[in-house]
Amino acid sequence: MSKGQFDIEQVLDLNKWETLQESIAQATHLAIILVDYRGKPITKHSQVQPFCQLVRNHPELSVYCEKCDSRGGLEAVRTGQPFIYRCHFNIVDMAVPIMIDNHYVGAIMAGEILLNEGQEELEQVLQLEDRSFVKMFKKEHQDLIDQYPRFSKSDLKRTAEMLEKISEYIVSEAIKKDYLIKAYKQTLRISKREQSFSEEELDLEFVQKDIQRSKLENRLQTTNGVYLAKNQLLQPAIDLVFANKESHIDLGTLASATNVSSSYLSRLLKEEFGEPFSKMYGKLKVYWAKELLETTDWSIAEISDALGYVEPSYFIRSFKKITGVTPLNYRKDKKSVDQ
C-alpha cells in the first residue's frame, strides 16, 4: 500500500476519532490534532491553547505552524519514534508518526506545553525569533504563553508512548479495512453480484457478514451441493446434514457421526461458520428453500415438508426472519426479475 493508495480520511471515521481525540486531550491536558503527510490538519484541534489558537488563525503565522507539524512528522519517521521538539514560538510539541507499509501517511500531533526543566535541550525545528513581528506578537501575548500546562520530562515521555500505541492501533484498523474492502470486492466478483458501494461509508460489520454468507453460497454452488469443511473432522457431520435435507438433524446425532462430544462439536462448528450451528443450519435450510422456490413449481407446503419443517407456518416464519420476505413473495420477486 503506497502513500498514493492510502488516505487516512478514508480509513478513519473522523467523527468517532475526534470524539476519542477530545477525550485523550482532556485527560492528558495536551492539545491534539491529526495531520496528513504534508502537515495539513484533517481533524479539529482538541484542547488548543489560546495562544496557539491565535497563531493558527493568523494568516502569516499559521503557515509556520504547518511547517513545524510537517518537519516534526518527518523527523519522527527518520528516528522511528515519537519526536519531541520546540516550535517557532518555543512551545513544546511532539509528532507521533503513522506508518503504513513503510510509508509515512500522517501523524498525531500533540503538545502545546512547557517543560519544568530541560526545555532548551529540545531541538527547535523552525527558528523565527530574530524576526521582529514574531517577537512583537510573542511579547504582546506573553500572558497567554504563561498559561500553558507544564510537564515533567518523565510524564511527557509516558504520554508519547501512549500516543505511539494509539498510532499502532490506527495502522491496524487501516490494514483491516483495506483487506476487508479488497475481500468484499473479490466476493462480489465471485458471486457475480452487481453492487455498488462507497468505501468511505462501508459498515465493516456488514461487510464481514456478507463476505461470510457469499463464501458459503459460493462453496455450495461450486461443489455440487456438498460443503467442503476447512476442518476435516467436521466433514462426516456436514455430509450427514446434506444427505438428510428432509430431516432435522440435531447436534447429538452429528456428534455421534464425528465421535466427539456435543459441546466440542458445537465449538468446532462455530469456528467453521463464524456463528452457532443452530443459526447456520437455519440459514442453510433457507438456502435450500430458495433453490426449490426458484427451480420448481412446488407449493410452499411441499417445500416445507421436503426440508423437514414441522409445519408450513413455521417454515414461512423462519424464511421471513432470515430473508425479510415470505417464501411466496421471494418466488414472485425472482420471477419478475427473470422476466
Protein backbone atom coordinates (compact mmCIF):
# COMPACT_ATOMS: atom_id res chain seq x y z
CA MET A 1 0.00 0.00 0.00
CA SER A 2 1.64 3.24 -1.06
CA LYS A 3 1.02 6.76 0.05
CA GLY A 4 -0.88 7.45 -3.14
CA GLN A 5 -3.17 4.49 -2.48
CA PHE A 6 -3.86 5.28 1.15
CA ASP A 7 -5.78 8.15 2.66
CA ILE A 8 -6.26 8.42 6.42
CA GLU A 9 -9.55 10.22 5.89
CA GLN A 10 -10.93 7.19 4.01
CA VAL A 11 -9.83 4.73 6.68
CA LEU A 12 -10.78 6.53 9.87
CA ASP A 13 -14.26 7.54 10.84
CA LEU A 14 -13.19 11.10 11.62
CA ASN A 15 -16.26 11.85 13.74
CA LYS A 16 -15.50 8.90 16.03
CA TRP A 17 -11.80 9.69 16.03
CA GLU A 18 -12.40 13.32 17.03
CA THR A 19 -14.52 12.17 19.97
CA LEU A 20 -11.69 9.89 21.11
CA GLN A 21 -9.12 12.61 20.41
CA GLU A 22 -11.05 15.09 22.55
CA SER A 23 -11.23 12.62 25.45
CA ILE A 24 -7.49 11.95 25.29
CA ALA A 25 -6.76 15.67 25.13
CA GLN A 26 -8.89 16.37 28.19
CA ALA A 27 -7.30 13.53 30.17
CA THR A 28 -3.71 14.44 29.30
CA HIS A 29 -4.05 18.26 29.13
CA LEU A 30 -2.43 18.11 25.70
CA ALA A 31 -3.63 19.82 22.56
CA ILE A 32 -4.02 17.13 19.86
CA ILE A 33 -4.62 17.24 16.13
CA LEU A 34 -4.31 14.70 13.31
CA VAL A 35 -2.38 15.81 10.21
CA ASP A 36 -1.68 14.23 6.84
CA TYR A 37 1.82 13.60 5.49
CA ARG A 38 2.06 17.25 4.34
CA GLY A 39 1.33 18.56 7.82
CA LYS A 40 -2.19 19.66 6.82
CA PRO A 41 -4.78 19.24 9.62
CA ILE A 42 -7.51 16.69 8.93
CA THR A 43 -9.27 16.93 12.30
CA LYS A 44 -10.36 19.74 14.54
CA HIS A 45 -7.83 20.84 17.13
CA SER A 46 -8.68 19.39 20.55
CA GLN A 47 -7.93 21.46 23.66
CA VAL A 48 -5.92 24.01 21.69
CA GLN A 49 -4.32 26.66 23.90
CA PRO A 50 -5.48 30.28 23.39
CA PHE A 51 -2.06 31.49 22.19
CA CYS A 52 -1.73 28.67 19.65
CA GLN A 53 -5.30 29.36 18.53
CA LEU A 54 -4.32 32.94 17.78
CA VAL A 55 -1.23 31.84 15.90
CA ARG A 56 -3.02 29.20 13.83
CA ASN A 57 -5.71 31.72 12.89
CA HIS A 58 -3.09 34.27 11.85
CA PRO A 59 -2.77 34.38 8.02
CA GLU A 60 1.05 34.60 8.11
CA LEU A 61 1.95 32.66 11.25
CA SER A 62 -0.33 29.68 10.55
CA VAL A 63 1.92 28.68 7.64
CA TYR A 64 4.81 28.25 10.05
CA CYS A 65 2.67 26.04 12.29
CA GLU A 66 2.09 23.69 9.35
CA LYS A 67 5.80 23.73 8.55
CA CYS A 68 6.60 22.74 12.13
CA ASP A 69 4.00 19.97 12.03
CA SER A 70 5.42 18.67 8.74
CA ARG A 71 9.03 18.82 9.94
CA GLY A 72 8.12 17.17 13.24
CA GLY A 73 6.33 14.31 11.47
CA LEU A 74 9.20 13.69 9.05
CA GLU A 75 11.74 13.74 11.87
CA ALA A 76 9.65 11.18 13.76
CA VAL A 77 9.72 8.97 10.66
CA ARG A 78 13.51 9.33 10.41
CA THR A 79 14.07 8.39 14.05
CA GLY A 80 11.34 5.74 14.10
CA GLN A 81 9.81 7.05 17.31
CA PRO A 82 7.82 9.99 18.66
CA PHE A 83 9.75 13.23 18.11
CA ILE A 84 9.53 15.87 20.84
CA TYR A 85 10.63 19.34 19.82
CA ARG A 86 10.17 23.09 20.20
CA CYS A 87 8.19 25.08 17.65
CA HIS A 88 8.98 28.56 16.30
CA PHE A 89 7.45 30.11 19.45
CA ASN A 90 9.48 27.86 21.78
CA ILE A 91 6.41 25.80 22.72
CA VAL A 92 6.90 22.04 23.21
CA ASP A 93 5.15 19.73 20.76
CA MET A 94 5.53 16.11 19.66
CA ALA A 95 4.87 14.18 16.48
CA VAL A 96 3.85 10.51 16.53
CA PRO A 97 4.14 9.09 13.00
CA ILE A 98 1.50 6.92 11.34
CA MET A 99 3.23 4.47 9.02
CA ILE A 100 1.53 2.12 6.55
CA ASP A 101 3.72 -0.44 4.78
CA ASN A 102 6.81 1.71 5.49
CA HIS A 103 5.14 4.82 4.04
CA TYR A 104 4.56 7.91 6.16
CA VAL A 105 0.91 8.93 5.76
CA GLY A 106 0.35 11.31 8.65
CA ALA A 107 0.91 11.94 12.32
CA ILE A 108 -0.72 12.55 15.66
CA MET A 109 0.49 15.99 16.72
CA ALA A 110 0.27 16.70 20.43
CA GLY A 111 1.70 19.18 22.86
CA GLU A 112 1.30 22.92 23.41
CA ILE A 113 3.01 22.61 26.76
CA LEU A 114 6.12 23.84 28.60
CA LEU A 115 8.60 21.65 30.45
CA ASN A 116 9.51 22.16 34.08
CA GLU A 117 13.14 21.59 33.21
CA GLY A 118 15.35 20.86 30.20
CA GLN A 119 13.19 22.56 27.60
CA GLU A 120 16.12 24.27 25.89
CA GLU A 121 17.70 20.86 25.29
CA LEU A 122 14.98 20.05 22.78
CA GLU A 123 15.56 20.82 19.12
CA GLN A 124 13.80 23.89 17.74
CA VAL A 125 12.65 22.84 14.27
CA LEU A 126 11.98 26.36 12.99
CA GLN A 127 13.73 29.48 14.26
CA LEU A 128 12.00 32.79 13.68
CA GLU A 129 12.83 34.63 16.88
CA ASP A 130 15.10 37.05 15.06
CA ARG A 131 12.10 38.36 13.12
CA SER A 132 10.64 41.49 14.64
CA PHE A 133 6.96 40.69 14.01
CA VAL A 134 7.39 37.31 15.72
CA LYS A 135 9.00 38.97 18.75
CA MET A 136 6.27 41.56 18.91
CA PHE A 137 3.48 39.00 18.64
CA LYS A 138 5.02 36.88 21.39
CA LYS A 139 5.56 39.86 23.68
CA GLU A 140 2.03 41.10 23.11
CA HIS A 141 0.55 37.78 24.21
CA GLN A 142 3.03 36.69 26.89
CA ASP A 143 0.19 36.38 29.40
CA LEU A 144 -1.33 33.61 27.27
CA ILE A 145 2.01 31.79 26.97
CA ASP A 146 2.29 31.79 30.76
CA GLN A 147 -0.96 29.81 30.91
CA TYR A 148 0.48 26.73 29.14
CA PRO A 149 0.39 23.46 31.13
CA ARG A 150 3.76 22.38 32.50
CA PHE A 151 5.04 18.80 32.30
CA SER A 152 7.99 16.90 33.64
CA LYS A 153 10.18 15.04 31.16
CA SER A 154 9.05 11.66 32.51
CA ASP A 155 5.34 12.50 32.20
CA LEU A 156 5.86 13.70 28.65
CA LYS A 157 7.73 10.50 27.73
CA ARG A 158 4.93 8.29 29.10
CA THR A 159 2.34 10.29 27.19
CA ALA A 160 4.38 9.92 23.99
CA GLU A 161 4.48 6.13 24.48
CA MET A 162 0.70 6.05 24.91
CA LEU A 163 0.15 8.04 21.69
CA GLU A 164 2.55 5.72 19.89
CA LYS A 165 0.31 2.77 20.83
CA ILE A 166 -2.70 4.69 19.53
CA SER A 167 -0.85 5.22 16.25
CA GLU A 168 -0.23 1.48 16.00
CA TYR A 169 -3.97 0.95 16.52
CA ILE A 170 -4.79 3.35 13.67
CA VAL A 171 -2.45 1.35 11.42
CA SER A 172 -4.06 -1.98 12.34
CA GLU A 173 -7.53 -0.58 11.64
CA ALA A 174 -6.36 0.77 8.30
CA ILE A 175 -4.91 -2.56 7.24
CA LYS A 176 -8.03 -4.42 8.39
CA LYS A 177 -10.35 -2.12 6.47
CA ASP A 178 -8.20 -2.27 3.34
CA TYR A 179 -8.20 -6.07 3.50
CA LEU A 180 -11.96 -6.25 4.01
CA ILE A 181 -12.67 -3.90 1.11
CA LYS A 182 -10.50 -5.97 -1.22
CA ALA A 183 -12.06 -9.21 0.05
CA TYR A 184 -15.55 -7.76 -0.40
CA LYS A 185 -14.83 -6.71 -3.98
CA GLN A 186 -13.50 -10.20 -4.70
CA THR A 187 -16.58 -11.75 -3.11
CA LEU A 188 -18.90 -9.65 -5.29
CA ARG A 189 -16.98 -10.75 -8.39
CA ILE A 190 -17.09 -14.43 -7.43
CA SER A 191 -20.79 -14.35 -6.57
CA LYS A 192 -21.47 -12.30 -9.73
CA ARG A 193 -23.47 -9.78 -7.76
CA GLU A 194 -23.79 -6.28 -9.13
CA GLN A 195 -23.49 -3.97 -6.17
CA SER A 196 -22.02 -0.50 -5.93
CA PHE A 197 -20.81 0.90 -2.64
CA SER A 198 -18.86 3.78 -1.18
CA GLU A 199 -15.67 2.66 0.58
CA GLU A 200 -15.91 5.63 2.95
CA GLU A 201 -19.40 4.61 4.12
CA LEU A 202 -18.92 0.85 4.36
CA ASP A 203 -20.20 -0.77 7.53
CA LEU A 204 -17.37 -3.20 8.30
CA GLU A 205 -19.59 -5.48 10.37
CA PHE A 206 -22.00 -5.79 7.42
CA VAL A 207 -19.08 -6.46 5.05
CA GLN A 208 -17.74 -9.26 7.25
CA LYS A 209 -21.16 -10.94 7.44
CA ASP A 210 -21.82 -10.51 3.72
CA ILE A 211 -18.43 -11.99 2.81
CA GLN A 212 -19.13 -14.95 5.07
CA ARG A 213 -22.57 -15.52 3.53
CA SER A 214 -21.27 -15.22 -0.02
CA LYS A 215 -18.42 -17.62 0.66
CA LEU A 216 -20.91 -20.19 1.95
CA GLU A 217 -23.14 -19.79 -1.10
CA ASN A 218 -20.20 -19.94 -3.48
CA ARG A 219 -18.83 -23.12 -1.90
CA LEU A 220 -22.25 -24.72 -2.19
CA GLN A 221 -22.52 -23.74 -5.84
CA THR A 222 -19.03 -24.93 -6.82
CA THR A 223 -19.03 -28.30 -5.02
CA ASN A 224 -22.21 -29.87 -6.47
CA GLY A 225 -24.16 -29.15 -3.34
CA VAL A 226 -21.62 -30.55 -0.88
CA TYR A 227 -19.89 -28.24 1.55
CA LEU A 228 -16.17 -28.97 1.95
CA ALA A 229 -15.17 -28.28 5.55
CA LYS A 230 -11.95 -26.48 6.35
CA ASN A 231 -11.69 -28.72 9.42
CA GLN A 232 -11.81 -32.27 8.04
CA LEU A 233 -13.04 -33.60 11.37
CA LEU A 234 -16.37 -31.91 10.63
CA GLN A 235 -16.89 -33.44 7.19
CA PRO A 236 -18.88 -36.54 8.35
CA ALA A 237 -21.29 -34.30 10.27
CA ILE A 238 -21.71 -31.89 7.37
CA ASP A 239 -22.20 -34.75 4.90
CA LEU A 240 -24.91 -36.12 7.19
CA VAL A 241 -26.71 -32.77 7.14
CA PHE A 242 -26.58 -32.55 3.34
CA ALA A 243 -27.69 -36.16 2.89
CA ASN A 244 -30.75 -35.59 5.06
CA LYS A 245 -32.22 -32.31 3.85
CA GLU A 246 -35.70 -33.66 4.52
CA SER A 247 -34.95 -34.16 8.22
CA HIS A 248 -33.90 -32.04 11.16
CA ILE A 249 -30.54 -33.36 12.41
CA ASP A 250 -29.73 -32.46 15.99
CA LEU A 251 -26.28 -31.79 17.44
CA GLY A 252 -26.21 -35.10 19.32
CA THR A 253 -26.63 -37.08 16.10
CA LEU A 254 -23.87 -35.08 14.42
CA ALA A 255 -21.59 -35.59 17.43
CA SER A 256 -22.05 -39.37 17.14
CA ALA A 257 -21.07 -39.21 13.46
CA THR A 258 -17.81 -37.44 14.29
CA ASN A 259 -17.03 -39.33 17.55
CA VAL A 260 -16.70 -36.15 19.61
CA SER A 261 -18.80 -34.63 22.37
CA SER A 262 -21.69 -32.33 21.51
CA SER A 263 -20.07 -29.37 23.27
CA TYR A 264 -16.77 -29.83 21.44
CA LEU A 265 -18.54 -30.25 18.10
CA SER A 266 -20.56 -27.11 18.77
CA ARG A 267 -17.33 -25.17 19.32
CA LEU A 268 -15.75 -26.56 16.14
CA LEU A 269 -18.82 -25.74 14.07
CA LYS A 270 -18.83 -22.17 15.37
CA GLU A 271 -15.17 -21.82 14.39
CA GLU A 272 -16.00 -23.20 10.93
CA PHE A 273 -19.01 -20.99 10.22
CA GLY A 274 -18.42 -17.99 12.48
CA GLU A 275 -21.73 -18.39 14.29
CA PRO A 276 -23.63 -21.00 16.32
CA PHE A 277 -24.61 -24.13 14.38
CA SER A 278 -28.30 -23.54 15.02
CA LYS A 279 -28.14 -20.21 13.16
CA MET A 280 -26.06 -21.60 10.32
CA TYR A 281 -28.38 -24.64 10.00
CA GLY A 282 -31.41 -22.36 9.76
CA LYS A 283 -29.72 -20.31 7.02
CA LEU A 284 -28.76 -23.49 5.17
CA LYS A 285 -32.36 -24.68 5.19
CA VAL A 286 -33.44 -21.32 3.79
CA TYR A 287 -30.72 -21.54 1.12
CA TRP A 288 -32.12 -24.91 0.01
CA ALA A 289 -35.63 -23.48 0.13
CA LYS A 290 -34.56 -20.65 -2.20
CA GLU A 291 -33.25 -23.22 -4.70
CA LEU A 292 -36.56 -25.07 -4.66
CA LEU A 293 -38.58 -21.86 -4.94
CA GLU A 294 -36.54 -20.85 -7.98
CA THR A 295 -36.27 -24.21 -9.77
CA THR A 296 -39.57 -25.98 -9.03
CA ASP A 297 -43.30 -25.30 -9.04
CA TRP A 298 -43.78 -26.99 -5.68
CA SER A 299 -46.18 -25.39 -3.28
CA ILE A 300 -44.95 -23.75 -0.09
CA ALA A 301 -46.33 -26.71 1.89
CA GLU A 302 -44.46 -29.19 -0.32
CA ILE A 303 -41.17 -27.32 0.09
CA SER A 304 -41.73 -27.08 3.83
CA ASP A 305 -42.28 -30.82 4.02
CA ALA A 306 -39.30 -31.57 1.76
CA LEU A 307 -36.99 -29.70 4.10
CA GLY A 308 -38.25 -31.30 7.30
CA TYR A 309 -40.18 -28.40 8.81
CA VAL A 310 -42.86 -29.36 11.32
CA GLU A 311 -45.50 -27.28 9.55
CA PRO A 312 -45.61 -24.70 6.72
CA SER A 313 -46.37 -21.80 9.07
CA TYR A 314 -43.10 -22.42 10.93
CA PHE A 315 -41.23 -22.64 7.61
CA ILE A 316 -42.73 -19.32 6.48
CA ARG A 317 -41.79 -17.58 9.76
CA SER A 318 -38.23 -18.95 9.64
CA PHE A 319 -37.79 -17.98 5.99
CA LYS A 320 -39.06 -14.43 6.55
CA LYS A 321 -36.94 -13.97 9.69
CA ILE A 322 -33.78 -14.69 7.71
CA THR A 323 -34.62 -13.12 4.33
CA GLY A 324 -37.10 -10.39 5.26
CA VAL A 325 -39.74 -11.72 2.84
CA THR A 326 -42.14 -14.66 2.75
CA PRO A 327 -41.32 -17.67 0.50
CA LEU A 328 -44.21 -16.77 -1.81
CA ASN A 329 -43.06 -13.17 -2.23
CA TYR A 330 -39.49 -14.36 -2.76
CA ARG A 331 -40.66 -16.60 -5.63
CA LYS A 332 -42.70 -13.73 -7.15
CA ASP A 333 -39.74 -11.35 -6.92
CA LYS A 334 -37.39 -13.84 -8.57
CA LYS A 335 -39.82 -14.47 -11.42
CA SER A 336 -40.32 -10.75 -12.06
CA VAL A 337 -36.55 -10.24 -12.21
CA ASP A 338 -36.06 -13.18 -14.60
CA GLN A 339 -38.76 -11.89 -16.94
